[in-house]
């Protein structure tokens, strides 16, 4: 069986390598490595015009929306909290268009951290703009336990409570249309969301920074079908 092509979103920033310091399309290498170890081929997707999203998705077998900057609060009808990070309008627009195209085409989707939040916003949900206790400090991953909801897709992939690597200060508030919770943190924070009738899953933590491949393996299996 051919390995499925999994698109992974990236972001634009300045980067330095060798003698160069230039604008770059960036993504931590842990993302494509996890796709590859799960049996997929990773294709990196830098921000583009939203009108290119459907054509991009048509070439993919699966889509990963990666972590990163806070979602612009105007996208879900909220005023900006002073603790919300700088906006990334090009990335918001591109990734929302990719999610919409993937949902319309039935392409499996995995949202990671920001990607889960953006999935929720794409379906009309809202976000909590700040919460404590889900990082290990500035630039340091935290760890906490998530408990699956039995009978959900996530609960089937990972049926036991597990400790996960986490780095976020925002979270799902009102669920988007059709989404159901797949896991919770011990403080009640929604840690996974999914659509029951399609392979669409979001997780609030960073599986690419851990040693449990089951979520990505689930995406790759769905993309192989």
Protein backbone atom coordinates (compact mmCIF):
# COMPACT_ATOMS: atom_id res chain seq x y z
CA UNK A 1 0.00 0.00 0.00
CA UNK A 2 1.28 3.49 -0.87
CA UNK A 3 2.13 5.73 2.06
CA UNK A 4 -0.50 8.49 2.37
CA UNK A 5 0.47 12.11 1.80
CA UNK A 6 -0.18 14.14 4.95
CA UNK A 7 -0.10 17.93 4.70
CA UNK A 8 1.21 19.75 7.79
CA UNK A 9 0.70 23.50 8.15
CA UNK A 10 3.66 25.79 8.83
CA UNK A 11 4.08 29.42 9.79
CA UNK A 12 6.07 32.37 8.54
CA UNK A 13 8.80 33.90 10.72
CA UNK A 14 12.39 35.04 10.58
CA UNK A 15 15.03 32.33 10.93
CA UNK A 16 18.82 32.06 10.96
CA UNK A 17 20.89 29.25 9.42
CA UNK A 18 24.47 29.33 8.23
CA UNK A 19 25.23 32.88 7.11
CA UNK A 20 21.57 33.67 6.42
CA UNK A 21 18.84 35.38 8.40
CA UNK A 22 15.71 35.52 6.25
CA UNK A 23 11.92 35.11 6.36
CA UNK A 24 11.19 31.38 6.44
CA UNK A 25 8.36 28.88 6.50
CA UNK A 26 8.93 27.15 9.83
CA UNK A 27 7.81 23.96 11.51
CA UNK A 28 9.47 22.01 14.32
CA UNK A 29 10.95 18.84 12.82
CA UNK A 30 9.08 16.73 15.37
CA UNK A 31 5.88 17.12 13.29
CA UNK A 32 7.09 15.56 10.03
CA UNK A 33 9.07 12.97 11.98
CA UNK A 34 5.89 11.84 13.76
CA UNK A 35 4.02 11.67 10.42
CA UNK A 36 6.84 9.63 8.92
CA UNK A 37 7.15 7.26 11.88
CA UNK A 38 3.39 6.69 11.73
CA UNK A 39 3.69 5.58 8.09
CA UNK A 40 2.86 8.76 6.19
CA UNK A 41 4.74 11.13 3.88
CA UNK A 42 4.83 14.67 5.26
CA UNK A 43 4.19 17.65 2.94
CA UNK A 44 4.77 21.07 4.50
CA UNK A 45 2.12 23.71 3.76
CA UNK A 46 3.24 27.34 4.18
CA UNK A 47 0.50 29.99 4.34
CA UNK A 48 -1.03 30.75 0.94
CA UNK A 49 -4.12 32.51 -0.29
CA UNK A 50 -7.35 30.96 1.02
CA UNK A 51 -8.51 30.45 -2.56
CA UNK A 52 -5.71 27.87 -2.99
CA UNK A 53 -6.90 25.69 -0.10
CA UNK A 54 -9.26 23.43 -2.02
CA UNK A 55 -6.63 22.66 -4.66
CA UNK A 56 -4.06 21.89 -1.95
CA UNK A 57 -6.42 19.60 -0.05
CA UNK A 58 -7.34 17.78 -3.26
CA UNK A 59 -3.73 16.57 -3.45
CA UNK A 60 -3.64 15.33 0.16
CA UNK A 61 -4.76 12.16 1.89
CA UNK A 62 -4.78 13.78 5.33
CA UNK A 63 -4.25 17.17 6.99
CA UNK A 64 -2.47 18.16 10.21
CA UNK A 65 -3.07 21.70 11.49
CA UNK A 66 -0.08 22.39 13.71
CA UNK A 67 0.40 24.41 16.88
CA UNK A 68 1.54 28.00 17.12
CA UNK A 69 0.17 31.51 17.58
CA UNK A 70 -3.09 32.38 19.29
CA UNK A 71 -6.15 32.56 17.05
CA UNK A 72 -7.31 36.12 16.41
CA UNK A 73 -10.27 36.67 18.83
CA UNK A 74 -12.25 38.53 16.15
CA UNK A 75 -12.52 35.16 14.36
CA UNK A 76 -14.89 34.01 17.11
CA UNK A 77 -16.51 37.36 17.89
CA UNK A 78 -14.55 38.23 21.03
CA UNK A 79 -12.64 41.30 22.18
CA UNK A 80 -8.91 40.77 22.60
CA UNK A 81 -7.71 39.85 26.09
CA UNK A 82 -4.48 41.63 27.03
CA UNK A 83 -2.87 38.20 27.51
CA UNK A 84 -3.69 37.02 23.99
CA UNK A 85 -0.64 36.87 21.74
CA UNK A 86 -0.03 38.81 18.52
CA UNK A 87 -2.34 37.92 15.61
CA UNK A 88 -1.26 35.82 12.63
CA UNK A 89 -3.96 36.84 10.11
CA UNK A 90 -2.43 35.15 7.05
CA UNK A 91 -2.07 31.88 8.90
CA UNK A 92 -5.58 32.08 10.39
CA UNK A 93 -7.12 32.68 6.98
CA UNK A 94 -5.10 29.91 5.27
CA UNK A 95 -5.69 27.27 7.91
CA UNK A 96 -9.40 28.06 8.26
CA UNK A 97 -9.70 27.65 4.49
CA UNK A 98 -7.78 24.34 4.64
CA UNK A 99 -10.04 23.04 7.40
CA UNK A 100 -13.14 24.04 5.46
CA UNK A 101 -11.85 22.39 2.29
CA UNK A 102 -10.88 19.20 4.15
CA UNK A 103 -14.28 18.96 5.84
CA UNK A 104 -16.04 19.47 2.51
CA UNK A 105 -13.88 16.84 0.79
CA UNK A 106 -13.97 14.27 3.59
CA UNK A 107 -10.19 14.40 4.07
CA UNK A 108 -9.12 13.25 7.58
CA UNK A 109 -8.00 16.11 9.84
CA UNK A 110 -5.88 16.23 12.99
CA UNK A 111 -5.61 19.55 14.81
CA UNK A 112 -2.78 19.92 17.33
CA UNK A 113 -2.95 22.59 20.08
CA UNK A 114 -3.70 25.78 18.07
CA UNK A 115 -4.97 23.42 15.35
CA UNK A 116 -7.62 22.03 17.73
CA UNK A 117 -8.61 25.56 18.75
CA UNK A 118 -8.86 26.66 15.11
CA UNK A 119 -10.97 23.60 14.28
CA UNK A 120 -13.36 24.63 17.02
CA UNK A 121 -13.48 28.21 15.71
CA UNK A 122 -13.99 26.99 12.13
CA UNK A 123 -17.16 25.23 13.30
CA UNK A 124 -18.51 28.27 15.15
CA UNK A 125 -17.06 27.66 18.61
CA UNK A 126 -15.27 30.05 20.96
CA UNK A 127 -12.10 30.00 23.05
CA UNK A 128 -11.03 30.77 26.59
CA UNK A 129 -8.31 33.36 26.00
CA UNK A 130 -6.23 32.61 29.07
CA UNK A 131 -5.86 29.84 31.62
CA UNK A 132 -3.06 28.78 33.95
CA UNK A 133 -1.35 25.48 34.59
CA UNK A 134 -0.97 24.05 31.08
CA UNK A 135 2.67 24.97 30.45
CA UNK A 136 5.88 24.35 32.34
CA UNK A 137 6.89 28.03 32.11
CA UNK A 138 7.92 30.26 29.23
CA UNK A 139 9.35 28.04 26.52
CA UNK A 140 9.06 24.92 28.69
CA UNK A 141 6.61 22.09 28.05
CA UNK A 142 4.42 21.04 30.94
CA UNK A 143 2.92 17.60 31.53
CA UNK A 144 -0.46 16.59 32.84
CA UNK A 145 -2.91 13.73 32.61
CA UNK A 146 -5.77 13.57 30.11
CA UNK A 147 -8.68 11.19 30.51
CA UNK A 148 -10.48 9.86 27.41
CA UNK A 149 -14.25 9.85 26.99
CA UNK A 150 -15.24 6.20 26.46
CA UNK A 151 -16.79 5.45 23.08
CA UNK A 152 -15.24 8.42 21.29
CA UNK A 153 -12.69 8.15 18.48
CA UNK A 154 -9.96 9.41 20.77
CA UNK A 155 -11.11 7.05 23.52
CA UNK A 156 -10.84 4.16 21.07
CA UNK A 157 -7.32 5.18 19.97
CA UNK A 158 -6.14 5.79 23.54
CA UNK A 159 -8.49 4.04 25.96
CA UNK A 160 -6.55 4.79 29.15
CA UNK A 161 -5.62 8.00 30.97
CA UNK A 162 -2.17 9.19 29.85
CA UNK A 163 0.27 11.94 30.74
CA UNK A 164 0.87 14.27 27.79
CA UNK A 165 3.28 17.08 26.87
CA UNK A 166 1.41 20.37 26.87
CA UNK A 167 2.05 24.05 26.13
CA UNK A 168 -0.98 26.30 25.81
CA UNK A 169 -2.70 29.13 27.62
CA UNK A 170 -5.95 29.05 25.63
CA UNK A 171 -8.59 26.35 25.33
CA UNK A 172 -12.01 25.47 23.96
CA UNK A 173 -14.90 27.34 25.54
CA UNK A 174 -18.16 26.83 23.59
CA UNK A 175 -17.91 23.79 21.32
CA UNK A 176 -18.30 24.28 17.58
CA UNK A 177 -21.22 22.76 15.70
CA UNK A 178 -21.17 18.97 15.78
CA UNK A 179 -18.03 18.65 17.89
CA UNK A 180 -18.00 16.44 20.98
CA UNK A 181 -15.33 16.23 23.70
CA UNK A 182 -12.97 13.27 23.40
CA UNK A 183 -10.84 13.87 26.50
CA UNK A 184 -10.54 16.13 29.54
CA UNK A 185 -7.75 17.33 31.79
CA UNK A 186 -8.14 16.83 35.51
CA UNK A 187 -9.12 20.52 35.88
CA UNK A 188 -12.01 20.02 33.44
CA UNK A 189 -10.36 21.61 30.41
CA UNK A 190 -11.49 20.02 27.14
CA UNK A 191 -8.36 18.32 25.81
CA UNK A 192 -9.71 16.63 22.67
CA UNK A 193 -12.61 17.29 20.32
CA UNK A 194 -13.95 15.33 17.37
CA UNK A 195 -16.73 15.00 14.82
CA UNK A 196 -18.54 11.69 15.38
CA UNK A 197 -19.38 11.11 11.71
CA UNK A 198 -16.02 11.97 10.09
CA UNK A 199 -12.33 11.38 10.87
CA UNK A 200 -11.83 14.83 12.37
CA UNK A 201 -9.95 15.05 15.68
CA UNK A 202 -8.27 17.81 17.66
CA UNK A 203 -5.96 17.36 20.64
CA UNK A 204 -4.89 20.21 22.88
CA UNK A 205 -1.46 18.79 23.71
CA UNK A 206 1.61 18.14 21.55
CA UNK A 207 1.86 14.45 20.56
CA UNK A 208 4.87 15.25 18.38
CA UNK A 209 6.80 16.10 21.55
CA UNK A 210 5.97 12.84 23.30
CA UNK A 211 6.47 9.15 22.74
CA UNK A 212 2.88 8.01 22.08
CA UNK A 213 2.21 7.73 18.31
CA UNK A 214 -1.35 6.43 18.50
CA UNK A 215 -3.16 9.65 17.54
CA UNK A 216 -1.01 10.19 14.45
CA UNK A 217 -1.19 6.52 13.57
CA UNK A 218 -4.97 6.84 13.63
CA UNK A 219 -4.84 9.75 11.18
CA UNK A 220 -2.46 7.88 8.85
CA UNK A 221 -4.70 4.77 8.87
CA UNK A 222 -7.73 6.90 8.03
CA UNK A 223 -5.77 8.67 5.27
CA UNK A 224 -4.73 5.30 3.87
CA UNK A 225 -8.34 4.26 3.36
